[in-house]
Each structure stands twice: as C-alpha cells, then as structure tokens.
Amino acid sequence: MAKRGRSAGGGASAASRCAAGATRPGGGRPSLLGLCSGLVAGLVAITPAAGFVSPRSALVFGAVAGAACYWGATGLKRLLRADDALDVFGVHGVGGIVGSLLTGVFASKTISGVGGSVLTQLIGVVAVASYSLLMTGLVLWVTSRFVSLRASAEDESDALTLPSMPNAWADGRRLIELNRRVLYVFKRKTRRCGPPACAAAPQDRPRH
C-alpha cells in the first residue's frame, strides 16, 4: 500500500506539471516557480485520495489538477482580485477541492475496500470551505483590532524588509562582536596551554 501510494503521488505530480505546462498561454518559457507549483498541485490533489485510487487514476488527478490550479493561480485570482502573491488558494485550495471531488469518482473498492461517492465528497468540501472561511474571517477580524492586516503602499514599494533592516544590522554587528570575543579568549587559552597539554588528562598535565 505504501509503495502504491508513492507511485500515485509521483504520477499525480508529474501529470500535474505536464498539464500546467500545456495550458501556459502564448508558449512562454517554463520557470522553476511553475515547476514547483505544478508538483505541489499534483501532491495536493492526490492527498485526499491516498490509499483509495490506483496509480493510473493518479495520472488523471494530476492532469486535471494541473489545469485547474493553473487557472486558479491566474484567471480566478484576477477574477476575485485577490492579493495572493504565493497562490495559496489557487494551488492548495483549488487543488484540494479538485482532489476531493475526484476521489469520489475514482475511489476503488479493490484498493481501499470502499467505493466513492461524489455527493459525500461534495458535502465534505462545502463543510470544510465554510468552516475555513468563517474561522479565517474571525481570526482576521481579531487581528485587525490590534495591527493592520497589510503593509502600507509606501512600505510595499520600498520592500517589506527595509523597515526592519536597521535592527537586523545592529543584531548582526552584536553577533560578530561576540564571535570575535569568543575567538580571542579561545586563542589566549590555546597559547597558554598548547594542544598536547590541553588534550592530556587532568592528572597528566604539567604543573606550572
């Protein structure tokens, strides 16, 4: 079962990457980010079906998830006007939904002992999505009472790391100075007590 699960996961990842590349508009050049996103999309989609589908079915998972997640990270994000720089919902959200629904289609009694039900999977998707939406909204609301939920336009244009750079430089200088002091003390002790004498047992060390 574990070997079959690894085969299914690998097949889904490969097929998802191929599908993402095939749906790239204009035949643009592939990128490392696109490769990683495609592999993650396949793994996300096959996760709900782990132990329920065959490696052959996993190829279908990967192909469908690759196209769906590519749309989720491009077209759907523009449609929702979402500020999702890492495409978390486009890859993980859409991929998880696709994988959950396809599990109801391809779940095999031969492999898992139970059959699939698209209706049951759909109810689960709606329940999880509703819970996630409610709790995320609650957490964001509570957080917004204390801090701003996003950086200012000025900080975004200057790069988010710049406001904290002075503190980072100060901490770095302190660490360098500490390392120098430790190295200085170590060198003094090494000169005072040579390596052979220091390595000897306490009773064997020469008395000064």
Protein backbone atom coordinates (compact mmCIF):
# COMPACT_ATOMS: atom_id res chain seq x y z
CA MET A 1 0.00 0.00 0.00
CA ALA A 2 2.83 2.42 0.83
CA LYS A 3 4.58 1.68 -2.47
CA ARG A 4 1.35 2.17 -4.36
CA GLY A 5 0.75 5.46 -2.54
CA ARG A 6 4.20 6.74 -3.52
CA SER A 7 3.59 5.74 -7.13
CA ALA A 8 0.24 7.52 -7.13
CA GLY A 9 1.76 10.67 -5.63
CA GLY A 10 4.61 10.72 -8.14
CA GLY A 11 2.27 10.10 -11.05
CA ALA A 12 -0.06 12.86 -9.97
CA SER A 13 2.83 15.31 -9.55
CA ALA A 14 4.27 14.54 -12.96
CA ALA A 15 0.93 14.71 -14.73
CA SER A 16 0.04 17.93 -12.93
CA ARG A 17 3.29 19.57 -14.03
CA CYS A 18 2.71 18.48 -17.65
CA ALA A 19 -0.84 19.83 -17.60
CA ALA A 20 0.29 23.14 -16.14
CA GLY A 21 2.89 23.46 -18.87
CA ALA A 22 0.45 22.53 -21.61
CA THR A 23 -2.03 25.20 -20.53
CA ARG A 24 0.55 28.00 -20.43
CA PRO A 25 -0.72 30.73 -22.76
CA GLY A 26 1.49 32.01 -25.54
CA GLY A 27 4.01 29.19 -25.14
CA GLY A 28 6.04 31.11 -22.57
CA ARG A 29 9.26 29.68 -21.19
CA PRO A 30 8.91 27.39 -18.15
CA SER A 31 10.19 28.59 -14.79
CA LEU A 32 11.34 26.96 -11.57
CA LEU A 33 8.38 28.51 -9.75
CA GLY A 34 5.99 26.99 -12.30
CA LEU A 35 7.68 23.60 -11.93
CA CYS A 36 7.36 23.69 -8.13
CA SER A 37 3.76 24.92 -8.30
CA GLY A 38 2.83 22.10 -10.67
CA LEU A 39 4.42 19.45 -8.47
CA VAL A 40 2.72 20.83 -5.36
CA ALA A 41 -0.63 20.95 -7.18
CA GLY A 42 -0.36 17.25 -8.01
CA LEU A 43 0.54 16.30 -4.44
CA VAL A 44 -2.27 18.44 -3.03
CA ALA A 45 -4.81 16.87 -5.37
CA ILE A 46 -3.76 13.28 -4.69
CA THR A 47 -3.64 13.69 -0.90
CA PRO A 48 -7.40 13.16 -0.30
CA ALA A 49 -7.23 10.05 -2.48
CA ALA A 50 -4.15 8.48 -0.87
CA GLY A 51 -4.89 4.81 -0.35
CA PHE A 52 -8.12 4.94 -2.37
CA VAL A 53 -7.05 5.17 -6.04
CA SER A 54 -4.62 3.43 -8.36
CA PRO A 55 -1.50 4.99 -9.91
CA ARG A 56 -3.30 5.08 -13.25
CA SER A 57 -6.11 7.13 -11.74
CA ALA A 58 -3.50 9.39 -10.14
CA LEU A 59 -2.41 10.48 -13.62
CA VAL A 60 -5.94 11.79 -14.19
CA PHE A 61 -5.79 13.60 -10.85
CA GLY A 62 -2.56 15.27 -11.84
CA ALA A 63 -3.74 16.28 -15.31
CA VAL A 64 -6.99 17.79 -14.07
CA ALA A 65 -5.35 19.44 -11.07
CA GLY A 66 -2.60 20.93 -13.23
CA ALA A 67 -5.08 22.69 -15.49
CA ALA A 68 -7.41 23.67 -12.63
CA CYS A 69 -4.65 25.04 -10.39
CA TYR A 70 -3.13 26.98 -13.26
CA TRP A 71 -6.50 28.64 -13.80
CA GLY A 72 -6.84 29.20 -10.05
CA ALA A 73 -3.47 30.93 -9.87
CA THR A 74 -4.16 33.15 -12.89
CA GLY A 75 -7.74 33.60 -14.09
CA LEU A 76 -9.53 33.01 -10.79
CA LYS A 77 -7.13 35.27 -8.90
CA ARG A 78 -7.75 38.10 -11.36
CA LEU A 79 -11.49 37.46 -11.22
CA LEU A 80 -11.56 37.67 -7.41
CA ARG A 81 -8.96 40.48 -7.38
CA ALA A 82 -7.21 38.53 -4.64
CA ASP A 83 -3.89 39.66 -3.18
CA ASP A 84 -2.35 36.19 -3.12
CA ALA A 85 1.31 36.52 -4.06
CA LEU A 86 2.11 32.88 -3.25
CA ASP A 87 -1.03 31.48 -4.95
CA VAL A 88 -2.02 29.63 -1.79
CA PHE A 89 -5.69 29.37 -2.68
CA GLY A 90 -5.04 28.92 -6.40
CA VAL A 91 -2.84 25.88 -5.79
CA HIS A 92 -3.75 24.44 -2.39
CA GLY A 93 -7.40 25.49 -2.30
CA VAL A 94 -8.34 24.62 -5.87
CA GLY A 95 -6.14 21.53 -5.88
CA GLY A 96 -7.69 20.25 -2.67
CA ILE A 97 -11.21 20.76 -3.99
CA VAL A 98 -10.41 19.01 -7.27
CA GLY A 99 -8.73 16.11 -5.48
CA SER A 100 -11.58 15.68 -3.02
CA LEU A 101 -14.23 15.57 -5.74
CA LEU A 102 -12.21 13.24 -7.96
CA THR A 103 -11.76 10.88 -5.02
CA GLY A 104 -15.49 10.27 -5.12
CA VAL A 105 -15.18 9.34 -8.79
CA PHE A 106 -12.07 7.16 -8.78
CA ALA A 107 -12.08 5.55 -5.32
CA SER A 108 -11.63 1.81 -5.87
CA LYS A 109 -13.07 -0.95 -3.69
CA THR A 110 -10.22 -3.18 -4.83
CA ILE A 111 -7.69 -0.88 -3.24
CA SER A 112 -9.45 0.58 -0.21
CA GLY A 113 -12.41 -1.70 0.33
CA VAL A 114 -14.90 1.17 -0.04
CA GLY A 115 -16.46 2.85 -3.02
CA GLY A 116 -16.51 6.54 -3.79
CA SER A 117 -19.40 8.99 -3.55
CA VAL A 118 -19.20 12.37 -5.25
CA LEU A 119 -22.10 13.65 -3.14
CA THR A 120 -20.34 12.73 0.11
CA GLN A 121 -17.15 14.39 -1.08
CA LEU A 122 -19.07 17.50 -2.14
CA ILE A 123 -20.67 17.78 1.30
CA GLY A 124 -17.23 17.49 2.87
CA VAL A 125 -15.81 20.19 0.58
CA VAL A 126 -18.64 22.60 1.40
CA ALA A 127 -18.35 21.92 5.13
CA VAL A 128 -14.57 22.44 5.20
CA ALA A 129 -14.75 25.54 3.00
CA SER A 130 -17.46 27.08 5.19
CA TYR A 131 -15.56 26.36 8.39
CA SER A 132 -12.30 27.71 6.93
CA LEU A 133 -14.00 30.86 5.67
CA LEU A 134 -15.70 31.53 8.99
CA MET A 135 -12.66 30.91 11.18
CA THR A 136 -10.29 32.80 8.87
CA GLY A 137 -12.63 35.79 8.90
CA LEU A 138 -12.79 35.64 12.69
CA VAL A 139 -9.01 35.46 13.07
CA LEU A 140 -8.52 38.35 10.64
CA TRP A 141 -11.12 40.45 12.44
CA VAL A 142 -9.48 39.92 15.82
CA THR A 143 -6.03 40.61 14.36
CA SER A 144 -7.24 43.82 12.71
CA ARG A 145 -8.22 45.16 16.15
CA PHE A 146 -4.53 45.25 17.10
CA VAL A 147 -2.47 45.64 13.93
CA SER A 148 -3.02 46.48 10.29
CA LEU A 149 -3.69 43.48 8.08
CA ARG A 150 -1.41 44.72 5.32
CA ALA A 151 1.59 46.94 4.86
CA SER A 152 1.24 50.49 3.63
CA ALA A 153 1.72 51.31 -0.04
CA GLU A 154 4.99 53.09 0.82
CA ASP A 155 6.39 50.04 2.60
CA GLU A 156 5.35 47.79 -0.28
CA SER A 157 7.10 49.99 -2.80
CA ASP A 158 10.28 50.24 -0.69
CA ALA A 159 10.30 46.46 0.01
CA LEU A 160 8.90 44.95 3.16
CA THR A 161 12.31 44.09 4.59
CA LEU A 162 13.72 47.62 4.63
CA PRO A 163 11.88 48.91 7.75
CA SER A 164 13.48 46.15 9.83
CA MET A 165 16.95 46.41 8.28
CA PRO A 166 18.47 48.76 10.93
CA ASN A 167 17.58 46.33 13.70
CA ALA A 168 18.90 43.42 11.65
CA TRP A 169 22.20 45.22 11.04
CA ALA A 170 22.52 46.03 14.75
CA ASP A 171 21.87 42.41 15.73
CA GLY A 172 24.37 41.26 13.12
CA ARG A 173 27.08 43.56 14.47
CA ARG A 174 26.48 42.33 18.02
CA LEU A 175 26.79 38.72 16.86
CA ILE A 176 30.03 39.44 15.00
CA GLU A 177 31.48 41.18 18.06
CA LEU A 178 30.50 38.26 20.29
CA ASN A 179 32.16 35.80 17.90
CA ARG A 180 35.35 37.89 17.93
CA ARG A 181 35.45 37.89 21.73
CA VAL A 182 34.93 34.13 21.92
CA LEU A 183 37.66 33.57 19.34
CA TYR A 184 40.04 35.91 21.23
CA VAL A 185 39.52 34.06 24.52
CA PHE A 186 39.98 30.70 22.78
CA LYS A 187 43.26 31.82 21.18
CA ARG A 188 44.60 33.10 24.50
CA LYS A 189 43.84 29.79 26.21
CA THR A 190 45.40 27.88 23.32
CA ARG A 191 48.64 29.89 23.58
CA ARG A 192 48.73 29.49 27.35
CA CYS A 193 48.14 25.74 27.17
CA GLY A 194 49.35 24.02 23.99
CA PRO A 195 47.22 21.41 22.21
CA PRO A 196 49.18 18.37 23.54
CA ALA A 197 48.97 19.55 27.13
CA CYS A 198 45.30 20.54 26.84
CA ALA A 199 44.43 17.21 25.29
CA ALA A 200 46.09 15.28 28.11
CA ALA A 201 44.15 14.02 31.06
CA PRO A 202 43.99 16.39 34.10
CA GLN A 203 46.37 14.24 36.16
CA ASP A 204 48.90 14.12 33.30
CA ARG A 205 49.06 17.87 32.72
CA PRO A 206 52.31 19.51 33.78
CA ARG A 207 52.15 21.72 36.83
CA HIS A 208 53.43 25.26 36.42
